[in-house]
Amino acid sequence: MAAITLVLVSIVSALVAILGLQSWVAIAAVIAAVVSGSQVVRKEVLIPWRVKSVDNSVARILTREARAGARLGSAVQIAPRRWVTAAHVVAATGTELKLGDTWIQARVIYRDEDLDLAVLTVDRDWPWLSRVSADLPSPGSRVKVTGWTEGRRDKENRDRGLRAVQDYTVQGPVEESLIVLAGAIPPRGFSGAAVTDVETGKVVGVLFNFRPGEMDFHAGLPRMDEVHATPLSCIPSEYLR
């Protein structure tokens, strides 16, 4: 929309210059400068800040169960003290969120096993928040997936898990309850990782599954690896704030 406005302003500037309306030329030039300047600020400042906020608002999830053992995943904060992740990495009790160097007890307030989606709440503030988009990404658009890798313990028993970012491309058609991404198989611990649209800097979904490619013997070609994410638009609105 801003690009269209800029083109229209340029056309108006040319017309008023031909007609000799100097005052209108100045006004049109100011409008053009404001529109183009706002686009630069959005692209160079606002969107990079949103992406950085998403990266810093992704934390680790740990669930301990007697039978299943420990499960590690990732979660992203979408509102103060409210986090979203994949349902298969959490449990009704025994789920903790790592904020800084401290593990905090988390409570599940929404869970959908079919969508593999869960919303958690904790009793501790975390300064970083992600912006959420209810719009589905278009096929062919680029996204970044931010999550925590499953860490190993060093000799001092310190957790060596890392926050990592991987690039993916959205495949189509995009469904209301499923976003399919093409790219590298994510590392262990990426279940619940944030999927960010790089054009807006907003989180559009969380990763929950991947399907490694196989050889299509009929076509003689390898099939593409698929990474699956659930759109955040599937979460009821009362859990998004």
C-alpha atoms as a PDB file:
ATOM      1  CA  MET A   1       0.000   0.000   0.000  1.00  0.00           C
ATOM      2  CA  ALA A   2       2.820   2.395   0.884  1.00  0.00           C
ATOM      3  CA  ALA A   3       4.594   1.628  -2.395  1.00  0.00           C
ATOM      4  CA  ILE A   4       1.406   2.452  -4.344  1.00  0.00           C
ATOM      5  CA  THR A   5       1.049   5.691  -2.396  1.00  0.00           C
ATOM      6  CA  LEU A   6       4.633   6.619  -3.213  1.00  0.00           C
ATOM      7  CA  VAL A   7       4.039   6.056  -6.934  1.00  0.00           C
ATOM      8  CA  LEU A   8       0.858   8.154  -6.852  1.00  0.00           C
ATOM      9  CA  VAL A   9       2.639  10.975  -5.049  1.00  0.00           C
ATOM     10  CA  SER A  10       5.397  10.920  -7.664  1.00  0.00           C
ATOM     11  CA  ILE A  11       2.831  11.156 -10.459  1.00  0.00           C
ATOM     12  CA  VAL A  12       1.098  14.074  -8.734  1.00  0.00           C
ATOM     13  CA  SER A  13       4.475  15.789  -8.311  1.00  0.00           C
ATOM     14  CA  ALA A  14       5.170  15.475 -12.030  1.00  0.00           C
ATOM     15  CA  LEU A  15       1.730  16.798 -12.999  1.00  0.00           C
ATOM     16  CA  VAL A  16       1.814  19.826 -10.715  1.00  0.00           C
ATOM     17  CA  ALA A  17       5.312  20.620 -11.948  1.00  0.00           C
ATOM     18  CA  ILE A  18       4.044  20.621 -15.544  1.00  0.00           C
ATOM     19  CA  LEU A  19       1.118  22.864 -14.549  1.00  0.00           C
ATOM     20  CA  GLY A  20       3.417  25.242 -12.707  1.00  0.00           C
ATOM     21  CA  LEU A  21       1.871  24.769  -9.283  1.00  0.00           C
ATOM     22  CA  GLN A  22       5.060  25.182  -7.266  1.00  0.00           C
ATOM     23  CA  SER A  23       3.408  25.065  -3.851  1.00  0.00           C
ATOM     24  CA  TRP A  24       1.856  21.693  -4.651  1.00  0.00           C
ATOM     25  CA  VAL A  25       5.249  20.425  -5.789  1.00  0.00           C
ATOM     26  CA  ALA A  26       6.650  21.188  -2.333  1.00  0.00           C
ATOM     27  CA  ILE A  27       3.695  19.523  -0.610  1.00  0.00           C
ATOM     28  CA  ALA A  28       3.968  16.441  -2.808  1.00  0.00           C
ATOM     29  CA  ALA A  29       7.715  16.268  -2.150  1.00  0.00           C
ATOM     30  CA  VAL A  30       7.111  16.330   1.608  1.00  0.00           C
ATOM     31  CA  ILE A  31       4.503  13.562   1.339  1.00  0.00           C
ATOM     32  CA  ALA A  32       6.876  11.467  -0.778  1.00  0.00           C
ATOM     33  CA  ALA A  33       9.677  11.970   1.738  1.00  0.00           C
ATOM     34  CA  VAL A  34       7.433  10.949   4.663  1.00  0.00           C
ATOM     35  CA  VAL A  35       6.168   7.813   2.912  1.00  0.00           C
ATOM     36  CA  SER A  36       9.583   6.684   1.725  1.00  0.00           C
ATOM     37  CA  GLY A  37      11.119   7.505   5.111  1.00  0.00           C
ATOM     38  CA  SER A  38       8.511   5.480   6.963  1.00  0.00           C
ATOM     39  CA  GLN A  39       9.257   2.495   4.739  1.00  0.00           C
ATOM     40  CA  VAL A  40      12.968   2.772   5.496  1.00  0.00           C
ATOM     41  CA  VAL A  41      12.283   2.954   9.243  1.00  0.00           C
ATOM     42  CA  ARG A  42       9.964  -0.047   9.023  1.00  0.00           C
ATOM     43  CA  LYS A  43      12.403  -2.163   7.018  1.00  0.00           C
ATOM     44  CA  GLU A  44      15.643  -1.151   8.721  1.00  0.00           C
ATOM     45  CA  VAL A  45      14.493  -0.601  12.306  1.00  0.00           C
ATOM     46  CA  LEU A  46      11.020  -1.906  13.181  1.00  0.00           C
ATOM     47  CA  ILE A  47      11.115  -5.353  11.547  1.00  0.00           C
ATOM     48  CA  PRO A  48      14.689  -6.197  12.715  1.00  0.00           C
ATOM     49  CA  TRP A  49      13.647  -5.196  16.247  1.00  0.00           C
ATOM     50  CA  ARG A  50      10.604  -7.475  16.056  1.00  0.00           C
ATOM     51  CA  VAL A  51      12.767 -10.377  14.866  1.00  0.00           C
ATOM     52  CA  LYS A  52      15.225  -9.759  17.708  1.00  0.00           C
ATOM     53  CA  SER A  53      12.335  -9.686  20.177  1.00  0.00           C
ATOM     54  CA  VAL A  54      11.114 -13.048  18.910  1.00  0.00           C
ATOM     55  CA  ASP A  55      14.590 -14.565  19.241  1.00  0.00           C
ATOM     56  CA  ASN A  56      14.851 -13.368  22.842  1.00  0.00           C
ATOM     57  CA  SER A  57      11.303 -14.417  23.728  1.00  0.00           C
ATOM     58  CA  VAL A  58      11.970 -18.093  22.900  1.00  0.00           C
ATOM     59  CA  ALA A  59      12.786 -20.226  25.941  1.00  0.00           C
ATOM     60  CA  ARG A  60      13.325 -23.895  26.735  1.00  0.00           C
ATOM     61  CA  ILE A  61      10.635 -26.266  27.986  1.00  0.00           C
ATOM     62  CA  LEU A  62      11.370 -29.286  30.170  1.00  0.00           C
ATOM     63  CA  THR A  63       8.794 -31.912  31.121  1.00  0.00           C
ATOM     64  CA  ARG A  64       9.631 -34.707  33.546  1.00  0.00           C
ATOM     65  CA  GLU A  65       7.429 -37.796  33.633  1.00  0.00           C
ATOM     66  CA  ALA A  66       8.061 -41.049  35.437  1.00  0.00           C
ATOM     67  CA  ARG A  67       7.359 -43.272  32.431  1.00  0.00           C
ATOM     68  CA  ALA A  68       8.360 -41.085  29.497  1.00  0.00           C
ATOM     69  CA  GLY A  69      11.409 -39.550  31.164  1.00  0.00           C
ATOM     70  CA  ALA A  70      12.441 -35.975  30.370  1.00  0.00           C
ATOM     71  CA  ARG A  71      11.308 -34.150  27.223  1.00  0.00           C
ATOM     72  CA  LEU A  72      12.874 -30.918  26.019  1.00  0.00           C
ATOM     73  CA  GLY A  73      11.310 -28.419  23.657  1.00  0.00           C
ATOM     74  CA  SER A  74      10.952 -24.703  22.948  1.00  0.00           C
ATOM     75  CA  ALA A  75       8.274 -22.096  23.710  1.00  0.00           C
ATOM     76  CA  VAL A  76       7.672 -18.471  22.736  1.00  0.00           C
ATOM     77  CA  GLN A  77       6.102 -15.720  24.855  1.00  0.00           C
ATOM     78  CA  ILE A  78       3.088 -14.193  23.082  1.00  0.00           C
ATOM     79  CA  ALA A  79       1.743 -12.079  25.962  1.00  0.00           C
ATOM     80  CA  PRO A  80       2.997 -11.228  29.469  1.00  0.00           C
ATOM     81  CA  ARG A  81       3.557 -14.542  31.326  1.00  0.00           C
ATOM     82  CA  ARG A  82       1.816 -16.457  28.503  1.00  0.00           C
ATOM     83  CA  TRP A  83       3.744 -18.901  26.329  1.00  0.00           C
ATOM     84  CA  VAL A  84       2.863 -21.153  23.402  1.00  0.00           C
ATOM     85  CA  THR A  85       4.514 -24.433  22.411  1.00  0.00           C
ATOM     86  CA  ALA A  86       3.799 -27.872  20.942  1.00  0.00           C
ATOM     87  CA  ALA A  87       1.376 -29.957  23.006  1.00  0.00           C
ATOM     88  CA  HIS A  88       3.462 -33.131  22.838  1.00  0.00           C
ATOM     89  CA  VAL A  89       6.311 -31.614  24.876  1.00  0.00           C
ATOM     90  CA  VAL A  90       4.179 -30.587  27.877  1.00  0.00           C
ATOM     91  CA  ALA A  91       2.183 -32.346  30.558  1.00  0.00           C
ATOM     92  CA  ALA A  92      -0.550 -31.267  32.947  1.00  0.00           C
ATOM     93  CA  THR A  93       2.062 -31.231  35.727  1.00  0.00           C
ATOM     94  CA  GLY A  94       5.831 -31.385  35.784  1.00  0.00           C
ATOM     95  CA  THR A  95       6.466 -28.866  32.977  1.00  0.00           C
ATOM     96  CA  GLU A  96       9.058 -26.143  33.557  1.00  0.00           C
ATOM     97  CA  LEU A  97      10.210 -23.128  31.563  1.00  0.00           C
ATOM     98  CA  LYS A  98      13.806 -21.890  31.700  1.00  0.00           C
ATOM     99  CA  LEU A  99      13.938 -18.106  32.108  1.00  0.00           C
ATOM    100  CA  GLY A 100      17.513 -16.930  32.295  1.00  0.00           C
ATOM    101  CA  ASP A 101      19.316 -19.427  34.531  1.00  0.00           C
ATOM    102  CA  THR A 102      16.198 -20.474  36.466  1.00  0.00           C
ATOM    103  CA  TRP A 103      13.641 -23.186  35.777  1.00  0.00           C
ATOM    104  CA  ILE A 104      10.104 -21.930  36.522  1.00  0.00           C
ATOM    105  CA  GLN A 105       7.021 -24.110  36.984  1.00  0.00           C
ATOM    106  CA  ALA A 106       4.566 -23.690  34.078  1.00  0.00           C
ATOM    107  CA  ARG A 107       0.839 -24.388  34.048  1.00  0.00           C
ATOM    108  CA  VAL A 108      -1.040 -25.572  30.952  1.00  0.00           C
ATOM    109  CA  ILE A 109      -4.146 -23.426  30.347  1.00  0.00           C
ATOM    110  CA  TYR A 110      -4.992 -24.563  26.810  1.00  0.00           C
ATOM    111  CA  ARG A 111      -4.152 -27.737  24.926  1.00  0.00           C
ATOM    112  CA  ASP A 112      -5.238 -29.190  21.583  1.00  0.00           C
ATOM    113  CA  GLU A 113      -3.804 -32.626  20.887  1.00  0.00           C
ATOM    114  CA  ASP A 114      -5.076 -32.697  17.289  1.00  0.00           C
ATOM    115  CA  LEU A 115      -3.307 -29.437  16.428  1.00  0.00           C
ATOM    116  CA  ASP A 116      -0.356 -30.267  18.722  1.00  0.00           C
ATOM    117  CA  LEU A 117      -0.647 -26.838  20.302  1.00  0.00           C
ATOM    118  CA  ALA A 118      -0.513 -25.703  23.935  1.00  0.00           C
ATOM    119  CA  VAL A 119      -0.563 -22.415  25.841  1.00  0.00           C
ATOM    120  CA  LEU A 120       1.212 -22.098  29.186  1.00  0.00           C
ATOM    121  CA  THR A 121       1.342 -19.513  31.941  1.00  0.00           C
ATOM    122  CA  VAL A 122       4.075 -18.839  34.508  1.00  0.00           C
ATOM    123  CA  ASP A 123       4.352 -16.654  37.623  1.00  0.00           C
ATOM    124  CA  ARG A 124       7.413 -14.731  36.499  1.00  0.00           C
ATOM    125  CA  ASP A 125       7.866 -11.823  34.124  1.00  0.00           C
ATOM    126  CA  TRP A 126      10.128 -12.078  31.094  1.00  0.00           C
ATOM    127  CA  PRO A 127      10.979  -8.766  29.363  1.00  0.00           C
ATOM    128  CA  TRP A 128      10.882  -9.989  25.758  1.00  0.00           C
ATOM    129  CA  LEU A 129       7.606 -10.359  23.858  1.00  0.00           C
ATOM    130  CA  SER A 130       6.916 -11.480  20.310  1.00  0.00           C
ATOM    131  CA  ARG A 131       4.357  -9.887  18.020  1.00  0.00           C
ATOM    132  CA  VAL A 132       1.708 -12.367  16.854  1.00  0.00           C
ATOM    133  CA  SER A 133       0.079 -12.445  13.413  1.00  0.00           C
ATOM    134  CA  ALA A 134      -3.275 -14.037  12.726  1.00  0.00           C
ATOM    135  CA  ASP A 135      -2.560 -13.964   8.987  1.00  0.00           C
ATOM    136  CA  LEU A 136      -1.275 -17.087   7.275  1.00  0.00           C
ATOM    137  CA  PRO A 137       1.999 -16.748   5.358  1.00  0.00           C
ATOM    138  CA  SER A 138       1.832 -16.963   1.579  1.00  0.00           C
ATOM    139  CA  PRO A 139       3.399 -19.888  -0.314  1.00  0.00           C
ATOM    140  CA  GLY A 140       6.932 -18.987  -1.293  1.00  0.00           C
ATOM    141  CA  SER A 141       7.462 -16.512   1.546  1.00  0.00           C
ATOM    142  CA  ARG A 142      10.500 -16.822   3.787  1.00  0.00           C
ATOM    143  CA  VAL A 143      10.348 -17.535   7.498  1.00  0.00           C
ATOM    144  CA  LYS A 144      12.812 -18.029  10.337  1.00  0.00           C
ATOM    145  CA  VAL A 145      12.377 -20.735  12.964  1.00  0.00           C
ATOM    146  CA  THR A 146      13.915 -19.980  16.373  1.00  0.00           C
ATOM    147  CA  GLY A 147      14.283 -22.690  18.995  1.00  0.00           C
ATOM    148  CA  TRP A 148      16.607 -24.273  21.532  1.00  0.00           C
ATOM    149  CA  THR A 149      18.671 -27.337  20.736  1.00  0.00           C
ATOM    150  CA  GLU A 150      18.702 -30.288  23.095  1.00  0.00           C
ATOM    151  CA  GLY A 151      21.797 -29.617  25.186  1.00  0.00           C
ATOM    152  CA  ARG A 152      24.507 -31.944  26.366  1.00  0.00           C
ATOM    153  CA  ARG A 153      26.187 -31.772  29.754  1.00  0.00           C
ATOM    154  CA  ASP A 154      29.861 -30.862  29.963  1.00  0.00           C
ATOM    155  CA  LYS A 155      32.347 -32.012  32.596  1.00  0.00           C
ATOM    156  CA  GLU A 156      31.027 -29.406  35.042  1.00  0.00           C
ATOM    157  CA  ASN A 157      27.437 -30.659  34.392  1.00  0.00           C
ATOM    158  CA  ARG A 158      26.504 -27.405  32.655  1.00  0.00           C
ATOM    159  CA  ASP A 159      23.730 -27.479  30.074  1.00  0.00           C
ATOM    160  CA  ARG A 160      25.137 -26.780  26.602  1.00  0.00           C
ATOM    161  CA  GLY A 161      21.828 -26.265  24.787  1.00  0.00           C
ATOM    162  CA  LEU A 162      21.941 -23.444  22.237  1.00  0.00           C
ATOM    163  CA  ARG A 163      19.369 -21.068  20.841  1.00  0.00           C
ATOM    164  CA  ALA A 164      19.455 -21.525  17.078  1.00  0.00           C
ATOM    165  CA  VAL A 165      17.766 -19.957  14.038  1.00  0.00           C
ATOM    166  CA  GLN A 166      17.066 -21.743  10.746  1.00  0.00           C
ATOM    167  CA  ASP A 167      15.689 -20.411   7.460  1.00  0.00           C
ATOM    168  CA  TYR A 168      12.732 -22.032   5.687  1.00  0.00           C
ATOM    169  CA  THR A 169      10.417 -21.415   2.745  1.00  0.00           C
ATOM    170  CA  VAL A 170       6.637 -21.746   3.036  1.00  0.00           C
ATOM    171  CA  GLN A 171       5.130 -24.362   0.748  1.00  0.00           C
ATOM    172  CA  GLY A 172       1.580 -24.224  -0.583  1.00  0.00           C
ATOM    173  CA  PRO A 173      -1.253 -24.385  -0.322  1.00  0.00           C
ATOM    174  CA  VAL A 174      -1.242 -23.140   3.279  1.00  0.00           C
ATOM    175  CA  GLU A 175      -4.056 -24.616   5.362  1.00  0.00           C
ATOM    176  CA  GLU A 176      -5.880 -22.986   8.268  1.00  0.00           C
ATOM    177  CA  SER A 177      -4.442 -25.569  10.662  1.00  0.00           C
ATOM    178  CA  LEU A 178      -1.115 -26.412   8.992  1.00  0.00           C
ATOM    179  CA  ILE A 179       1.888 -24.592   7.569  1.00  0.00           C
ATOM    180  CA  VAL A 180       4.344 -26.739   5.609  1.00  0.00           C
ATOM    181  CA  LEU A 181       7.929 -25.497   5.392  1.00  0.00           C
ATOM    182  CA  ALA A 182      10.814 -26.645   3.216  1.00  0.00           C
ATOM    183  CA  GLY A 183      14.322 -26.637   4.602  1.00  0.00           C
ATOM    184  CA  ALA A 184      16.768 -28.511   6.793  1.00  0.00           C
ATOM    185  CA  ILE A 185      15.514 -31.015   9.348  1.00  0.00           C
ATOM    186  CA  PRO A 186      15.359 -29.093  12.662  1.00  0.00           C
ATOM    187  CA  PRO A 187      17.562 -30.166  15.577  1.00  0.00           C
ATOM    188  CA  ARG A 188      16.204 -32.012  18.590  1.00  0.00           C
ATOM    189  CA  GLY A 189      14.557 -29.586  20.989  1.00  0.00           C
ATOM    190  CA  PHE A 190      12.888 -27.507  18.261  1.00  0.00           C
ATOM    191  CA  SER A 191       9.358 -28.737  18.990  1.00  0.00           C
ATOM    192  CA  GLY A 192       7.439 -25.575  19.885  1.00  0.00           C
ATOM    193  CA  ALA A 193       9.959 -23.294  18.148  1.00  0.00           C
ATOM    194  CA  ALA A 194       8.682 -19.932  16.865  1.00  0.00           C
ATOM    195  CA  VAL A 195       8.006 -19.497  13.124  1.00  0.00           C
ATOM    196  CA  THR A 196       8.551 -15.832  12.183  1.00  0.00           C
ATOM    197  CA  ASP A 197       7.548 -14.159   8.924  1.00  0.00           C
ATOM    198  CA  VAL A 198      10.665 -12.192   7.928  1.00  0.00           C
ATOM    199  CA  GLU A 199       8.592  -9.611   6.007  1.00  0.00           C
ATOM    200  CA  THR A 200       6.658  -8.542   9.111  1.00  0.00           C
ATOM    201  CA  GLY A 201       8.767  -9.774  12.036  1.00  0.00           C
ATOM    202  CA  LYS A 202       5.675 -11.409  13.539  1.00  0.00           C
ATOM    203  CA  VAL A 203       5.252 -14.981  14.762  1.00  0.00           C
ATOM    204  CA  VAL A 204       2.808 -16.937  12.596  1.00  0.00           C
ATOM    205  CA  GLY A 205       3.102 -20.408  14.122  1.00  0.00           C
ATOM    206  CA  VAL A 206       5.038 -22.944  16.173  1.00  0.00           C
ATOM    207  CA  LEU A 207       6.858 -25.981  14.849  1.00  0.00           C
ATOM    208  CA  PHE A 208       5.574 -29.402  15.903  1.00  0.00           C
ATOM    209  CA  ASN A 209       6.772 -32.060  13.445  1.00  0.00           C
ATOM    210  CA  PHE A 210       9.034 -32.874  10.536  1.00  0.00           C
ATOM    211  CA  ARG A 211       8.862 -35.473   7.789  1.00  0.00           C
ATOM    212  CA  PRO A 212      12.181 -36.484   6.206  1.00  0.00           C
ATOM    213  CA  GLY A 213      12.154 -36.833   2.448  1.00  0.00           C
ATOM    214  CA  GLU A 214      12.238 -40.233   0.759  1.00  0.00           C
ATOM    215  CA  MET A 215      13.143 -41.380  -2.701  1.00  0.00           C
ATOM    216  CA  ASP A 216      10.216 -41.396  -5.145  1.00  0.00           C
ATOM    217  CA  PHE A 217      11.163 -44.481  -7.154  1.00  0.00           C
ATOM    218  CA  HIS A 218       8.472 -43.861  -9.772  1.00  0.00           C
ATOM    219  CA  ALA A 219       9.795 -40.393 -10.584  1.00  0.00           C
ATOM    220  CA  GLY A 220      13.405 -41.203  -9.763  1.00  0.00           C
ATOM    221  CA  LEU A 221      13.673 -38.093  -7.592  1.00  0.00           C
ATOM    222  CA  PRO A 222      14.110 -37.563  -3.842  1.00  0.00           C
ATOM    223  CA  ARG A 223      11.135 -36.126  -2.017  1.00  0.00           C
ATOM    224  CA  MET A 224      11.495 -32.839  -0.185  1.00  0.00           C
ATOM    225  CA  ASP A 225      11.970 -32.711   3.576  1.00  0.00           C
ATOM    226  CA  GLU A 226       8.897 -31.193   5.215  1.00  0.00           C
ATOM    227  CA  VAL A 227       8.726 -29.254   8.466  1.00  0.00           C
ATOM    228  CA  HIS A 228       5.236 -28.764   9.912  1.00  0.00           C
ATOM    229  CA  ALA A 229       3.977 -25.846  12.008  1.00  0.00           C
ATOM    230  CA  THR A 230       0.620 -24.968  13.552  1.00  0.00           C
ATOM    231  CA  PRO A 231      -0.639 -21.401  12.899  1.00  0.00           C
ATOM    232  CA  LEU A 232      -1.149 -19.261  15.999  1.00  0.00           C
ATOM    233  CA  SER A 233      -4.474 -18.226  14.459  1.00  0.00           C
ATOM    234  CA  CYS A 234      -5.749 -21.604  15.718  1.00  0.00           C
ATOM    235  CA  ILE A 235      -5.475 -20.449  19.337  1.00  0.00           C
ATOM    236  CA  PRO A 236      -8.751 -19.081  20.804  1.00  0.00           C
ATOM    237  CA  SER A 237      -8.494 -15.308  21.191  1.00  0.00           C
ATOM    238  CA  GLU A 238      -8.897 -15.381  24.997  1.00  0.00           C
ATOM    239  CA  TYR A 239      -5.542 -17.193  25.302  1.00  0.00           C
ATOM    240  CA  LEU A 240      -3.630 -14.698  23.147  1.00  0.00           C
ATOM    241  CA  ARG A 241      -3.615 -11.954  25.775  1.00  0.00           C
END
